[in-house]
């Protein structure tokens, strides 16, 4: 098989020097630079896939979320975190329940 036809990964996974301490799941160890995207930080746009332990975009493009480790600028910006939805306010007052194991102290 011709090595020129095989795309080389951006970072050589067999390198024994620690110039760039990339994660073991980084797409830069498997793909050439044009085959993965780089986000500036983890995001819901590139969730972790527990099936294979890697991050992908919605169209299954491999994603790197640590641009400082591979020495490149991010080409995608992660959106700001989504605000948590506030619970609706009801007319009832909320009372705290005591634990069933609670015992008041008795002074003697």
PDB file of N, CA and C in Angstrom:
ATOM      1  N   UNK A   1       0.837  -1.184   0.000  1.00  0.00           N
ATOM      2  CA  UNK A   1       0.000   0.000   0.000  1.00  0.00           C
ATOM      3  C   UNK A   1       0.880   1.246   0.000  1.00  0.00           C
ATOM      4  N   UNK A   2       0.484   2.257  -0.702  1.00  0.00           N
ATOM      5  CA  UNK A   2       1.257   3.483  -0.841  1.00  0.00           C
ATOM      6  C   UNK A   2       1.008   4.403   0.349  1.00  0.00           C
ATOM      7  N   UNK A   3       2.079   4.816   1.077  1.00  0.00           N
ATOM      8  CA  UNK A   3       1.955   5.708   2.234  1.00  0.00           C
ATOM      9  C   UNK A   3       1.549   7.118   1.835  1.00  0.00           C
ATOM     10  N   UNK A   4       1.835   7.522   0.603  1.00  0.00           N
ATOM     11  CA  UNK A   4       1.473   8.874   0.157  1.00  0.00           C
ATOM     12  C   UNK A   4      -0.039   9.031   0.071  1.00  0.00           C
ATOM     13  N   UNK A   5      -0.772   7.939  -0.176  1.00  0.00           N
ATOM     14  CA  UNK A   5      -2.223   8.003  -0.295  1.00  0.00           C
ATOM     15  C   UNK A   5      -2.905   7.978   1.070  1.00  0.00           C
ATOM     16  N   UNK A   6      -2.203   7.499   2.092  1.00  0.00           N
ATOM     17  CA  UNK A   6      -2.770   7.425   3.434  1.00  0.00           C
ATOM     18  C   UNK A   6      -2.593   8.767   4.128  1.00  0.00           C
ATOM     19  N   UNK A   7      -3.695   9.401   4.556  1.00  0.00           N
ATOM     20  CA  UNK A   7      -3.556  10.683   5.249  1.00  0.00           C
ATOM     21  C   UNK A   7      -2.881  10.489   6.606  1.00  0.00           C
ATOM     22  N   UNK A   8      -1.934  11.338   6.907  1.00  0.00           N
ATOM     23  CA  UNK A   8      -1.194  11.263   8.157  1.00  0.00           C
ATOM     24  C   UNK A   8      -1.887  12.102   9.231  1.00  0.00           C
ATOM     25  N   UNK A   9      -1.872  11.644  10.492  1.00  0.00           N
ATOM     26  CA  UNK A   9      -2.481  12.446  11.554  1.00  0.00           C
ATOM     27  C   UNK A   9      -1.714  13.752  11.756  1.00  0.00           C
ATOM     28  N   UNK A  10      -2.418  14.760  12.272  1.00  0.00           N
ATOM     29  CA  UNK A  10      -1.778  16.058  12.500  1.00  0.00           C
ATOM     30  C   UNK A  10      -0.620  15.932  13.493  1.00  0.00           C
ATOM     31  N   UNK A  11      -0.821  15.174  14.564  1.00  0.00           N
ATOM     32  CA  UNK A  11       0.238  14.922  15.542  1.00  0.00           C
ATOM     33  C   UNK A  11       0.555  13.437  15.500  1.00  0.00           C
ATOM     34  N   UNK A  12       1.827  13.115  15.411  1.00  0.00           N
ATOM     35  CA  UNK A  12       2.254  11.725  15.325  1.00  0.00           C
ATOM     36  C   UNK A  12       1.986  11.017  16.655  1.00  0.00           C
ATOM     37  N   UNK A  13       1.077  10.028  16.682  1.00  0.00           N
ATOM     38  CA  UNK A  13       0.769   9.351  17.945  1.00  0.00           C
ATOM     39  C   UNK A  13       1.916   8.493  18.464  1.00  0.00           C
ATOM     40  N   UNK A  14       2.868   8.141  17.589  1.00  0.00           N
ATOM     41  CA  UNK A  14       3.990   7.305  18.002  1.00  0.00           C
ATOM     42  C   UNK A  14       5.194   8.108  18.463  1.00  0.00           C
ATOM     43  N   UNK A  15       5.058   9.419  18.511  1.00  0.00           N
ATOM     44  CA  UNK A  15       6.161  10.274  18.931  1.00  0.00           C
ATOM     45  C   UNK A  15       6.431  10.059  20.416  1.00  0.00           C
ATOM     46  N   UNK A  16       7.707   9.987  20.786  1.00  0.00           N
ATOM     47  CA  UNK A  16       8.042   9.761  22.186  1.00  0.00           C
ATOM     48  C   UNK A  16       8.434  11.047  22.924  1.00  0.00           C
ATOM     49  N   UNK A  17       8.261  12.207  22.290  1.00  0.00           N
ATOM     50  CA  UNK A  17       8.561  13.461  22.984  1.00  0.00           C
ATOM     51  C   UNK A  17       7.269  14.114  23.453  1.00  0.00           C
ATOM     52  N   UNK A  18       7.346  14.868  24.514  1.00  0.00           N
ATOM     53  CA  UNK A  18       6.175  15.483  25.136  1.00  0.00           C
ATOM     54  C   UNK A  18       6.068  16.973  24.830  1.00  0.00           C
ATOM     55  N   UNK A  19       6.363  17.380  23.612  1.00  0.00           N
ATOM     56  CA  UNK A  19       6.218  18.791  23.254  1.00  0.00           C
ATOM     57  C   UNK A  19       4.770  19.238  23.351  1.00  0.00           C
ATOM     58  N   UNK A  20       3.856  18.359  22.998  1.00  0.00           N
ATOM     59  CA  UNK A  20       2.421  18.662  23.025  1.00  0.00           C
ATOM     60  C   UNK A  20       1.694  17.532  23.751  1.00  0.00           C
ATOM     61  N   UNK A  21       1.380  17.713  25.021  1.00  0.00           N
ATOM     62  CA  UNK A  21       0.708  16.649  25.783  1.00  0.00           C
ATOM     63  C   UNK A  21      -0.789  16.568  25.468  1.00  0.00           C
ATOM     64  N   UNK A  22      -1.120  16.043  24.308  1.00  0.00           N
ATOM     65  CA  UNK A  22      -2.523  15.971  23.892  1.00  0.00           C
ATOM     66  C   UNK A  22      -3.227  14.832  24.616  1.00  0.00           C
ATOM     67  N   UNK A  23      -4.543  14.919  24.652  1.00  0.00           N
ATOM     68  CA  UNK A  23      -5.367  13.866  25.259  1.00  0.00           C
ATOM     69  C   UNK A  23      -5.273  12.603  24.408  1.00  0.00           C
ATOM     70  N   UNK A  24      -5.487  11.482  25.041  1.00  0.00           N
ATOM     71  CA  UNK A  24      -5.449  10.213  24.319  1.00  0.00           C
ATOM     72  C   UNK A  24      -6.569  10.048  23.315  1.00  0.00           C
ATOM     73  N   UNK A  25      -7.659  10.819  23.474  1.00  0.00           N
ATOM     74  CA  UNK A  25      -8.802  10.707  22.558  1.00  0.00           C
ATOM     75  C   UNK A  25      -8.817  11.819  21.514  1.00  0.00           C
ATOM     76  N   UNK A  26      -7.788  12.627  21.468  1.00  0.00           N
ATOM     77  CA  UNK A  26      -7.760  13.780  20.561  1.00  0.00           C
ATOM     78  C   UNK A  26      -7.798  13.339  19.097  1.00  0.00           C
ATOM     79  N   UNK A  27      -8.645  13.977  18.292  1.00  0.00           N
ATOM     80  CA  UNK A  27      -8.693  13.616  16.869  1.00  0.00           C
ATOM     81  C   UNK A  27      -7.413  13.966  16.120  1.00  0.00           C
ATOM     82  N   UNK A  28      -6.582  14.838  16.694  1.00  0.00           N
ATOM     83  CA  UNK A  28      -5.333  15.189  16.020  1.00  0.00           C
ATOM     84  C   UNK A  28      -4.363  14.013  15.973  1.00  0.00           C
ATOM     85  N   UNK A  29      -4.586  13.008  16.820  1.00  0.00           N
ATOM     86  CA  UNK A  29      -3.751  11.810  16.806  1.00  0.00           C
ATOM     87  C   UNK A  29      -4.194  10.807  15.748  1.00  0.00           C
ATOM     88  N   UNK A  30      -5.404  10.997  15.197  1.00  0.00           N
ATOM     89  CA  UNK A  30      -5.945  10.043  14.225  1.00  0.00           C
ATOM     90  C   UNK A  30      -6.166  10.623  12.839  1.00  0.00           C
ATOM     91  N   UNK A  31      -6.393  11.947  12.772  1.00  0.00           N
ATOM     92  CA  UNK A  31      -6.810  12.556  11.507  1.00  0.00           C
ATOM     93  C   UNK A  31      -5.878  13.682  11.085  1.00  0.00           C
ATOM     94  N   UNK A  32      -5.829  13.969   9.777  1.00  0.00           N
ATOM     95  CA  UNK A  32      -5.113  15.164   9.325  1.00  0.00           C
ATOM     96  C   UNK A  32      -5.890  16.408   9.760  1.00  0.00           C
ATOM     97  N   UNK A  33      -5.278  17.561   9.727  1.00  0.00           N
ATOM     98  CA  UNK A  33      -5.871  18.791  10.245  1.00  0.00           C
ATOM     99  C   UNK A  33      -7.214  19.138   9.604  1.00  0.00           C
ATOM    100  N   UNK A  34      -7.405  18.855   8.352  1.00  0.00           N
ATOM    101  CA  UNK A  34      -8.664  19.233   7.700  1.00  0.00           C
ATOM    102  C   UNK A  34      -9.816  18.272   8.000  1.00  0.00           C
ATOM    103  N   UNK A  35      -9.603  17.230   8.812  1.00  0.00           N
ATOM    104  CA  UNK A  35     -10.643  16.247   9.090  1.00  0.00           C
ATOM    105  C   UNK A  35     -11.294  16.419  10.466  1.00  0.00           C
ATOM    106  N   UNK A  36     -10.889  17.422  11.251  1.00  0.00           N
ATOM    107  CA  UNK A  36     -11.504  17.647  12.553  1.00  0.00           C
ATOM    108  C   UNK A  36     -11.624  19.140  12.812  1.00  0.00           C
ATOM    109  N   UNK A  37     -12.519  19.501  13.738  1.00  0.00           N
ATOM    110  CA  UNK A  37     -12.709  20.900  14.110  1.00  0.00           C
ATOM    111  C   UNK A  37     -12.153  21.133  15.505  1.00  0.00           C
ATOM    112  N   UNK A  38     -11.861  22.394  15.796  1.00  0.00           N
ATOM    113  CA  UNK A  38     -11.295  22.746  17.098  1.00  0.00           C
ATOM    114  C   UNK A  38     -12.187  23.793  17.754  1.00  0.00           C
ATOM    115  N   UNK A  39     -12.729  23.454  18.912  1.00  0.00           N
ATOM    116  CA  UNK A  39     -13.507  24.395  19.712  1.00  0.00           C
ATOM    117  C   UNK A  39     -12.593  24.993  20.776  1.00  0.00           C
ATOM    118  N   UNK A  40     -12.973  26.174  21.256  1.00  0.00           N
ATOM    119  CA  UNK A  40     -12.156  26.827  22.270  1.00  0.00           C
ATOM    120  C   UNK A  40     -12.323  26.208  23.655  1.00  0.00           C
ATOM    121  N   UNK A  41     -13.386  25.443  23.858  1.00  0.00           N
ATOM    122  CA  UNK A  41     -13.630  24.761  25.135  1.00  0.00           C
ATOM    123  C   UNK A  41     -14.733  23.724  24.916  1.00  0.00           C
ATOM    124  N   UNK A  42     -14.938  22.815  25.886  1.00  0.00           N
ATOM    125  CA  UNK A  42     -16.040  21.851  25.739  1.00  0.00           C
ATOM    126  C   UNK A  42     -17.383  22.567  25.625  1.00  0.00           C
ATOM    127  N   UNK A  43     -18.290  21.977  24.883  1.00  0.00           N
ATOM    128  CA  UNK A  43     -19.567  22.611  24.599  1.00  0.00           C
ATOM    129  C   UNK A  43     -20.625  21.563  24.314  1.00  0.00           C
ATOM    130  N   UNK A  44     -21.889  21.975  24.431  1.00  0.00           N
ATOM    131  CA  UNK A  44     -22.987  21.083  24.061  1.00  0.00           C
ATOM    132  C   UNK A  44     -23.046  20.876  22.550  1.00  0.00           C
ATOM    133  N   UNK A  45     -22.340  21.695  21.790  1.00  0.00           N
ATOM    134  CA  UNK A  45     -22.299  21.512  20.332  1.00  0.00           C
ATOM    135  C   UNK A  45     -21.382  20.365  19.916  1.00  0.00           C
ATOM    136  N   UNK A  46     -20.511  19.943  20.816  1.00  0.00           N
ATOM    137  CA  UNK A  46     -19.634  18.804  20.527  1.00  0.00           C
ATOM    138  C   UNK A  46     -19.621  17.892  21.755  1.00  0.00           C
ATOM    139  N   UNK A  47     -20.728  17.177  21.979  1.00  0.00           N
ATOM    140  CA  UNK A  47     -20.825  16.352  23.184  1.00  0.00           C
ATOM    141  C   UNK A  47     -19.926  15.123  23.136  1.00  0.00           C
ATOM    142  N   UNK A  48     -19.639  14.630  24.306  1.00  0.00           N
ATOM    143  CA  UNK A  48     -18.867  13.412  24.481  1.00  0.00           C
ATOM    144  C   UNK A  48     -19.754  12.222  24.132  1.00  0.00           C
ATOM    145  N   UNK A  49     -19.256  11.320  23.306  1.00  0.00           N
ATOM    146  CA  UNK A  49     -20.010  10.132  22.913  1.00  0.00           C
ATOM    147  C   UNK A  49     -19.515   8.953  23.755  1.00  0.00           C
ATOM    148  N   UNK A  50     -20.328   8.476  24.700  1.00  0.00           N
ATOM    149  CA  UNK A  50     -19.862   7.393  25.567  1.00  0.00           C
ATOM    150  C   UNK A  50     -19.637   6.074  24.834  1.00  0.00           C
ATOM    151  N   UNK A  51     -20.183   5.925  23.642  1.00  0.00           N
ATOM    152  CA  UNK A  51     -20.008   4.680  22.889  1.00  0.00           C
ATOM    153  C   UNK A  51     -18.539   4.448  22.521  1.00  0.00           C
ATOM    154  N   UNK A  52     -17.826   5.506  22.135  1.00  0.00           N
ATOM    155  CA  UNK A  52     -16.410   5.329  21.780  1.00  0.00           C
ATOM    156  C   UNK A  52     -15.480   6.264  22.543  1.00  0.00           C
ATOM    157  N   UNK A  53     -16.031   7.115  23.433  1.00  0.00           N
ATOM    158  CA  UNK A  53     -15.197   7.960  24.273  1.00  0.00           C
ATOM    159  C   UNK A  53     -14.590   9.155  23.572  1.00  0.00           C
ATOM    160  N   UNK A  54     -15.218   9.646  22.525  1.00  0.00           N
ATOM    161  CA  UNK A  54     -14.693  10.796  21.776  1.00  0.00           C
ATOM    162  C   UNK A  54     -15.775  11.853  21.630  1.00  0.00           C
ATOM    163  N   UNK A  55     -15.381  13.053  21.199  1.00  0.00           N
ATOM    164  CA  UNK A  55     -16.325  14.157  20.985  1.00  0.00           C
ATOM    165  C   UNK A  55     -16.585  14.327  19.499  1.00  0.00           C
ATOM    166  N   UNK A  56     -17.858  14.624  19.164  1.00  0.00           N
ATOM    167  CA  UNK A  56     -18.253  14.837  17.774  1.00  0.00           C
ATOM    168  C   UNK A  56     -19.244  15.988  17.698  1.00  0.00           C
ATOM    169  N   UNK A  57     -19.295  16.611  16.537  1.00  0.00           N
ATOM    170  CA  UNK A  57     -20.324  17.608  16.277  1.00  0.00           C
ATOM    171  C   UNK A  57     -21.596  16.865  15.859  1.00  0.00           C
ATOM    172  N   UNK A  58     -22.662  17.601  15.580  1.00  0.00           N
ATOM    173  CA  UNK A  58     -23.937  16.981  15.199  1.00  0.00           C
ATOM    174  C   UNK A  58     -23.807  16.154  13.922  1.00  0.00           C
ATOM    175  N   UNK A  59     -22.922  16.549  13.009  1.00  0.00           N
ATOM    176  CA  UNK A  59     -22.746  15.789  11.768  1.00  0.00           C
ATOM    177  C   UNK A  59     -21.623  14.740  11.872  1.00  0.00           C
ATOM    178  N   UNK A  60     -21.235  14.406  13.112  1.00  0.00           N
ATOM    179  CA  UNK A  60     -20.232  13.381  13.433  1.00  0.00           C
ATOM    180  C   UNK A  60     -18.821  13.739  12.983  1.00  0.00           C
ATOM    181  N   UNK A  61     -18.525  15.037  12.900  1.00  0.00           N
ATOM    182  CA  UNK A  61     -17.158  15.465  12.642  1.00  0.00           C
ATOM    183  C   UNK A  61     -16.402  15.412  13.961  1.00  0.00           C
ATOM    184  N   UNK A  62     -15.242  14.756  14.022  1.00  0.00           N
ATOM    185  CA  UNK A  62     -14.486  14.709  15.265  1.00  0.00           C
ATOM    186  C   UNK A  62     -14.146  16.127  15.737  1.00  0.00           C
ATOM    187  N   UNK A  63     -14.158  16.324  17.063  1.00  0.00           N
ATOM    188  CA  UNK A  63     -13.917  17.655  17.619  1.00  0.00           C
ATOM    189  C   UNK A  63     -12.862  17.604  18.716  1.00  0.00           C
ATOM    190  N   UNK A  64     -11.986  18.588  18.682  1.00  0.00           N
ATOM    191  CA  UNK A  64     -10.989  18.794  19.725  1.00  0.00           C
ATOM    192  C   UNK A  64     -11.445  19.989  20.549  1.00  0.00           C
ATOM    193  N   UNK A  65     -11.313  19.914  21.878  1.00  0.00           N
ATOM    194  CA  UNK A  65     -11.736  21.029  22.735  1.00  0.00           C
ATOM    195  C   UNK A  65     -10.577  21.607  23.543  1.00  0.00           C
ATOM    196  N   UNK A  66      -9.350  21.260  23.202  1.00  0.00           N
ATOM    197  CA  UNK A  66      -8.170  21.782  23.888  1.00  0.00           C
ATOM    198  C   UNK A  66      -7.169  22.332  22.872  1.00  0.00           C
ATOM    199  N   UNK A  67      -7.471  23.488  22.276  1.00  0.00           N
ATOM    200  CA  UNK A  67      -6.574  24.014  21.245  1.00  0.00           C
ATOM    201  C   UNK A  67      -5.174  24.329  21.775  1.00  0.00           C
ATOM    202  N   UNK A  68      -5.059  24.684  23.049  1.00  0.00           N
ATOM    203  CA  UNK A  68      -3.740  25.002  23.608  1.00  0.00           C
ATOM    204  C   UNK A  68      -2.833  23.769  23.660  1.00  0.00           C
ATOM    205  N   UNK A  69      -3.419  22.584  23.725  1.00  0.00           N
ATOM    206  CA  UNK A  69      -2.605  21.368  23.777  1.00  0.00           C
ATOM    207  C   UNK A  69      -2.053  20.972  22.418  1.00  0.00           C
ATOM    208  N   UNK A  70      -2.784  21.281  21.348  1.00  0.00           N
ATOM    209  CA  UNK A  70      -2.285  20.900  20.022  1.00  0.00           C
ATOM    210  C   UNK A  70      -1.600  22.063  19.308  1.00  0.00           C
ATOM    211  N   UNK A  71      -1.614  23.224  19.929  1.00  0.00           N
ATOM    212  CA  UNK A  71      -0.883  24.363  19.373  1.00  0.00           C
ATOM    213  C   UNK A  71      -1.555  25.037  18.199  1.00  0.00           C
ATOM    214  N   UNK A  72      -2.878  24.985  18.122  1.00  0.00           N
ATOM    215  CA  UNK A  72      -3.613  25.633  17.038  1.00  0.00           C
ATOM    216  C   UNK A  72      -4.667  26.566  17.607  1.00  0.00           C
ATOM    217  N   UNK A  73      -5.090  27.512  16.812  1.00  0.00           N
ATOM    218  CA  UNK A  73      -6.181  28.400  17.197  1.00  0.00           C
ATOM    219  C   UNK A  73      -7.502  27.690  16.930  1.00  0.00           C
ATOM    220  N   UNK A  74      -8.509  27.904  17.790  1.00  0.00           N
ATOM    221  CA  UNK A  74      -9.812  27.275  17.526  1.00  0.00           C
ATOM    222  C   UNK A  74     -10.460  27.853  16.276  1.00  0.00           C
ATOM    223  N   UNK A  75     -11.129  26.995  15.507  1.00  0.00           N
ATOM    224  CA  UNK A  75     -11.848  27.484  14.332  1.00  0.00           C
ATOM    225  C   UNK A  75     -13.339  27.595  14.610  1.00  0.00           C
ATOM    226  N   UNK A  76     -13.770  27.180  15.794  1.00  0.00           N
ATOM    227  CA  UNK A  76     -15.167  27.333  16.215  1.00  0.00           C
ATOM    228  C   UNK A  76     -15.191  27.818  17.659  1.00  0.00           C
ATOM    229  N   UNK A  77     -16.136  28.697  17.935  1.00  0.00           N
ATOM    230  CA  UNK A  77     -16.301  29.213  19.292  1.00  0.00           C
ATOM    231  C   UNK A  77     -17.470  28.494  19.952  1.00  0.00           C
ATOM    232  N   UNK A  78     -17.260  28.024  21.149  1.00  0.00           N
ATOM    233  CA  UNK A  78     -18.349  27.388  21.885  1.00  0.00           C
ATOM    234  C   UNK A  78     -19.309  28.480  22.341  1.00  0.00           C
ATOM    235  N   UNK A  79     -20.604  28.251  22.210  1.00  0.00           N
ATOM    236  CA  UNK A  79     -21.559  29.269  22.639  1.00  0.00           C
ATOM    237  C   UNK A  79     -21.555  29.385  24.162  1.00  0.00           C
ATOM    238  N   UNK A  80     -22.051  30.497  24.676  1.00  0.00           N
ATOM    239  CA  UNK A  80     -22.112  30.634  26.134  1.00  0.00           C
ATOM    240  C   UNK A  80     -23.038  29.572  26.716  1.00  0.00           C
ATOM    241  N   UNK A  81     -22.823  29.210  27.977  1.00  0.00           N
ATOM    242  CA  UNK A  81     -23.684  28.185  28.583  1.00  0.00           C
ATOM    243  C   UNK A  81     -25.142  28.605  28.569  1.00  0.00           C
ATOM    244  N   UNK A  82     -26.009  27.626  28.420  1.00  0.00           N
ATOM    245  CA  UNK A  82     -27.442  27.906  28.431  1.00  0.00           C
ATOM    246  C   UNK A  82     -27.871  28.217  29.864  1.00  0.00           C
ATOM    247  N   UNK A  83     -28.710  29.246  30.057  1.00  0.00           N
ATOM    248  CA  UNK A  83     -29.171  29.534  31.416  1.00  0.00           C
ATOM    249  C   UNK A  83     -30.120  28.436  31.884  1.00  0.00           C
ATOM    250  N   UNK A  84     -30.048  28.154  33.182  1.00  0.00           N
ATOM    251  CA  UNK A  84     -30.958  27.158  33.737  1.00  0.00           C
ATOM    252  C   UNK A  84     -32.355  27.739  33.788  1.00  0.00           C
ATOM    253  N   UNK A  85     -33.324  26.899  33.484  1.00  0.00           N
ATOM    254  CA  UNK A  85     -34.705  27.375  33.507  1.00  0.00           C
ATOM    255  C   UNK A  85     -35.161  27.521  34.949  1.00  0.00           C
ATOM    256  N   UNK A  86     -35.746  28.679  35.267  1.00  0.00           N
ATOM    257  CA  UNK A  86     -36.235  28.911  36.616  1.00  0.00           C
ATOM    258  C   UNK A  86     -37.544  28.159  36.818  1.00  0.00           C
ATOM    259  N   UNK A  87     -37.730  27.659  38.031  1.00  0.00           N
ATOM    260  CA  UNK A  87     -38.974  26.961  38.324  1.00  0.00           C
ATOM    261  C   UNK A  87     -40.098  27.979  38.430  1.00  0.00           C
ATOM    262  N   UNK A  88     -41.281  27.633  37.936  1.00  0.00           N
ATOM    263  CA  UNK A  88     -42.387  28.584  38.024  1.00  0.00           C
ATOM    264  C   UNK A  88     -42.791  28.801  39.485  1.00  0.00           C
ATOM    265  N   UNK A  89     -43.153  30.033  39.776  1.00  0.00           N
ATOM    266  CA  UNK A  89     -43.564  30.386  41.133  1.00  0.00           C
ATOM    267  C   UNK A  89     -45.038  30.042  41.280  1.00  0.00           C
ATOM    268  N   UNK A  90     -45.369  29.295  42.300  1.00  0.00           N
ATOM    269  CA  UNK A  90     -46.753  28.916  42.541  1.00  0.00           C
ATOM    270  C   UNK A  90     -47.288  29.695  43.735  1.00  0.00           C
ATOM    271  N   UNK A  91     -48.587  29.641  43.947  1.00  0.00           N
ATOM    272  CA  UNK A  91     -49.205  30.354  45.051  1.00  0.00           C
ATOM    273  C   UNK A  91     -48.967  29.676  46.391  1.00  0.00           C
ATOM    274  N   UNK A  92     -48.542  28.416  46.383  1.00  0.00           N
ATOM    275  CA  UNK A  92     -48.314  27.707  47.634  1.00  0.00           C
ATOM    276  C   UNK A  92     -46.985  28.114  48.246  1.00  0.00           C
ATOM    277  N   UNK A  93     -46.952  28.135  49.549  1.00  0.00           N
ATOM    278  CA  UNK A  93     -45.679  28.400  50.213  1.00  0.00           C
ATOM    279  C   UNK A  93     -44.931  27.078  50.333  1.00  0.00           C
ATOM    280  N   UNK A  94     -43.673  27.167  50.248  1.00  0.00           N
ATOM    281  CA  UNK A  94     -42.853  25.977  50.330  1.00  0.00           C
ATOM    282  C   UNK A  94     -42.380  25.833  51.764  1.00  0.00           C
ATOM    283  N   UNK A  95     -42.704  24.716  52.373  1.00  0.00           N
ATOM    284  CA  UNK A  95     -42.238  24.454  53.735  1.00  0.00           C
ATOM    285  C   UNK A  95     -41.237  23.315  53.689  1.00  0.00           C
ATOM    286  N   UNK A  96     -40.223  23.454  54.493  1.00  0.00           N
ATOM    287  CA  UNK A  96     -39.210  22.417  54.550  1.00  0.00           C
ATOM    288  C   UNK A  96     -39.677  21.314  55.489  1.00  0.00           C
ATOM    289  N   UNK A  97     -39.414  20.091  55.096  1.00  0.00           N
ATOM    290  CA  UNK A  97     -39.781  18.961  55.940  1.00  0.00           C
ATOM    291  C   UNK A  97     -38.571  18.533  56.741  1.00  0.00           C
ATOM    292  N   UNK A  98     -38.821  18.151  57.954  1.00  0.00           N
ATOM    293  CA  UNK A  98     -37.742  17.634  58.778  1.00  0.00           C
ATOM    294  C   UNK A  98     -37.495  16.178  58.417  1.00  0.00           C
ATOM    295  N   UNK A  99     -36.278  15.785  58.593  1.00  0.00           N
ATOM    296  CA  UNK A  99     -35.946  14.388  58.384  1.00  0.00           C
ATOM    297  C   UNK A  99     -36.637  13.566  59.460  1.00  0.00           C
ATOM    298  N   UNK A 100     -36.987  12.360  59.137  1.00  0.00           N
ATOM    299  CA  UNK A 100     -37.657  11.538  60.125  1.00  0.00           C
ATOM    300  C   UNK A 100     -36.706  11.102  61.233  1.00  0.00           C
ATOM    301  N   UNK A 101     -35.434  11.317  61.044  1.00  0.00           N
ATOM    302  CA  UNK A 101     -34.446  10.948  62.056  1.00  0.00           C
ATOM    303  C   UNK A 101     -34.109  12.110  62.975  1.00  0.00           C
ATOM    304  N   UNK A 102     -34.710  13.232  62.763  1.00  0.00           N
ATOM    305  CA  UNK A 102     -34.417  14.409  63.568  1.00  0.00           C
ATOM    306  C   UNK A 102     -35.040  14.262  64.929  1.00  0.00           C
ATOM    307  N   UNK A 103     -34.275  14.540  65.974  1.00  0.00           N
ATOM    308  CA  UNK A 103     -34.794  14.522  67.349  1.00  0.00           C
ATOM    309  C   UNK A 103     -34.409  15.819  68.019  1.00  0.00           C
ATOM    310  N   UNK A 104     -35.360  16.483  68.602  1.00  0.00           N
ATOM    311  CA  UNK A 104     -35.000  17.700  69.318  1.00  0.00           C
ATOM    312  C   UNK A 104     -34.223  17.339  70.585  1.00  0.00           C
ATOM    313  N   UNK A 105     -33.311  18.190  70.949  1.00  0.00           N
ATOM    314  CA  UNK A 105     -32.566  17.928  72.181  1.00  0.00           C
ATOM    315  C   UNK A 105     -33.397  18.345  73.357  1.00  0.00           C
ATOM    316  N   UNK A 106     -33.294  17.596  74.424  1.00  0.00           N
ATOM    317  CA  UNK A 106     -34.061  17.916  75.624  1.00  0.00           C
ATOM    318  C   UNK A 106     -33.100  18.382  76.703  1.00  0.00           C
ATOM    319  N   UNK A 107     -33.330  19.551  77.159  1.00  0.00           N
ATOM    320  CA  UNK A 107     -32.498  20.062  78.232  1.00  0.00           C
ATOM    321  C   UNK A 107     -33.014  19.518  79.563  1.00  0.00           C
ATOM    322  N   UNK A 108     -32.175  19.037  80.422  1.00  0.00           N
ATOM    323  CA  UNK A 108     -32.595  18.513  81.723  1.00  0.00           C
ATOM    324  C   UNK A 108     -32.003  19.286  82.832  1.00  0.00           C
TER     325      UNK A 108
END
